[in-house]
Amino acid sequence: MKNLKELQPILTAVYCINRTNGQEDEDIRNLIDYVFRQILGCNTNLLLLCCIGKTKETIMPEITQILKEDTNYYKDMEYREAIRK
């Protein structure tokens, strides 16, 4: 992977969105749990606590902040949008 340092914040975003969408996908949760435990050497316990009682709408500002600070995700989305125009 080109930017491995972006892996954890991106997986964090996917995990949190999946936990808060009201219809959590168990396969996604299990895959992300596996990556955190086996590849990154950590677990999702604190992420789970952060998601309790939140909806996607209430957690997205935090997710957006994480992605803006720790990844190039939004810059890439802006670039892709500019290309389409």
Protein backbone atom coordinates (compact mmCIF):
# COMPACT_ATOMS: atom_id res chain seq x y z
CA MET A 1 0.00 0.00 0.00
CA LYS A 2 1.33 3.39 -0.95
CA ASN A 3 0.36 5.25 2.25
CA LEU A 4 0.21 2.60 4.95
CA LYS A 5 0.06 5.29 7.66
CA GLU A 6 -3.43 6.15 6.38
CA LEU A 7 -4.72 2.62 6.91
CA GLN A 8 -5.65 2.96 10.59
CA PRO A 9 -7.59 6.25 10.30
CA ILE A 10 -9.47 4.98 7.25
CA LEU A 11 -10.36 1.70 8.97
CA THR A 12 -11.40 3.71 12.03
CA ALA A 13 -13.79 5.70 9.87
CA VAL A 14 -15.25 2.59 8.24
CA TYR A 15 -15.59 0.83 11.61
CA CYS A 16 -17.40 3.78 13.22
CA ILE A 17 -19.72 4.36 10.27
CA ASN A 18 -20.55 0.65 10.19
CA ARG A 19 -21.27 0.61 13.94
CA THR A 20 -23.59 3.61 13.77
CA ASN A 21 -25.62 2.98 10.64
CA GLY A 22 -28.33 1.03 12.45
CA GLN A 23 -27.72 -2.06 10.35
CA GLU A 24 -24.19 -3.04 11.26
CA ASP A 25 -22.61 -5.47 8.83
CA GLU A 26 -21.06 -8.25 10.91
CA ASP A 27 -18.65 -9.25 8.13
CA ILE A 28 -17.26 -5.71 7.91
CA ARG A 29 -16.93 -5.57 11.71
CA ASN A 30 -15.11 -8.91 11.82
CA LEU A 31 -12.74 -7.98 8.99
CA ILE A 32 -11.84 -4.66 10.58
CA ASP A 33 -11.42 -6.28 14.00
CA TYR A 34 -9.05 -8.77 12.39
CA VAL A 35 -6.96 -6.07 10.71
CA PHE A 36 -6.71 -4.05 13.91
CA ARG A 37 -5.69 -7.10 15.99
CA GLN A 38 -3.50 -9.06 13.59
CA ILE A 39 -1.98 -6.41 11.34
CA LEU A 40 -1.96 -3.20 13.38
CA GLY A 41 -1.47 -4.84 16.78
CA CYS A 42 -4.33 -3.09 18.57
CA ASN A 43 -8.04 -3.61 19.15
CA THR A 44 -11.33 -1.84 18.58
CA ASN A 45 -12.54 -1.65 22.20
CA LEU A 46 -12.11 2.13 22.51
CA LEU A 47 -13.67 2.67 19.09
CA LEU A 48 -16.69 0.68 20.20
CA LEU A 49 -17.06 2.88 23.28
CA CYS A 50 -16.84 6.02 21.11
CA CYS A 51 -19.69 4.76 18.92
CA ILE A 52 -22.17 3.90 21.67
CA GLY A 53 -25.33 5.96 21.38
CA LYS A 54 -24.23 7.77 18.23
CA THR A 55 -25.81 7.90 14.82
CA LYS A 56 -23.94 8.32 11.58
CA GLU A 57 -24.96 11.98 11.52
CA THR A 58 -23.60 12.67 15.00
CA ILE A 59 -20.30 10.85 14.52
CA MET A 60 -19.47 12.19 11.03
CA PRO A 61 -17.92 15.48 12.27
CA GLU A 62 -15.40 13.45 14.30
CA ILE A 63 -14.77 11.09 11.40
CA THR A 64 -14.28 14.03 9.05
CA GLN A 65 -11.74 15.57 11.42
CA ILE A 66 -9.79 12.30 11.67
CA LEU A 67 -9.74 11.89 7.89
CA LYS A 68 -8.70 15.51 7.28
CA GLU A 69 -5.90 15.40 9.86
CA ASP A 70 -4.51 11.93 9.19
CA THR A 71 -5.21 11.16 5.53
CA ASN A 72 -5.38 12.72 2.09
CA TYR A 73 -8.91 11.39 1.59
CA TYR A 74 -10.65 14.74 1.16
CA LYS A 75 -7.86 16.13 -1.01
CA ASP A 76 -8.23 13.08 -3.23
CA MET A 77 -12.01 13.55 -3.40
CA GLU A 78 -11.52 17.21 -4.40
CA TYR A 79 -9.02 16.16 -7.06
CA ARG A 80 -11.40 13.53 -8.46
CA GLU A 81 -14.26 16.02 -8.52
CA ALA A 82 -12.10 18.55 -10.40
CA ILE A 83 -11.21 15.94 -13.01
CA ARG A 84 -14.88 15.10 -13.60
CA LYS A 85 -15.76 18.73 -14.37
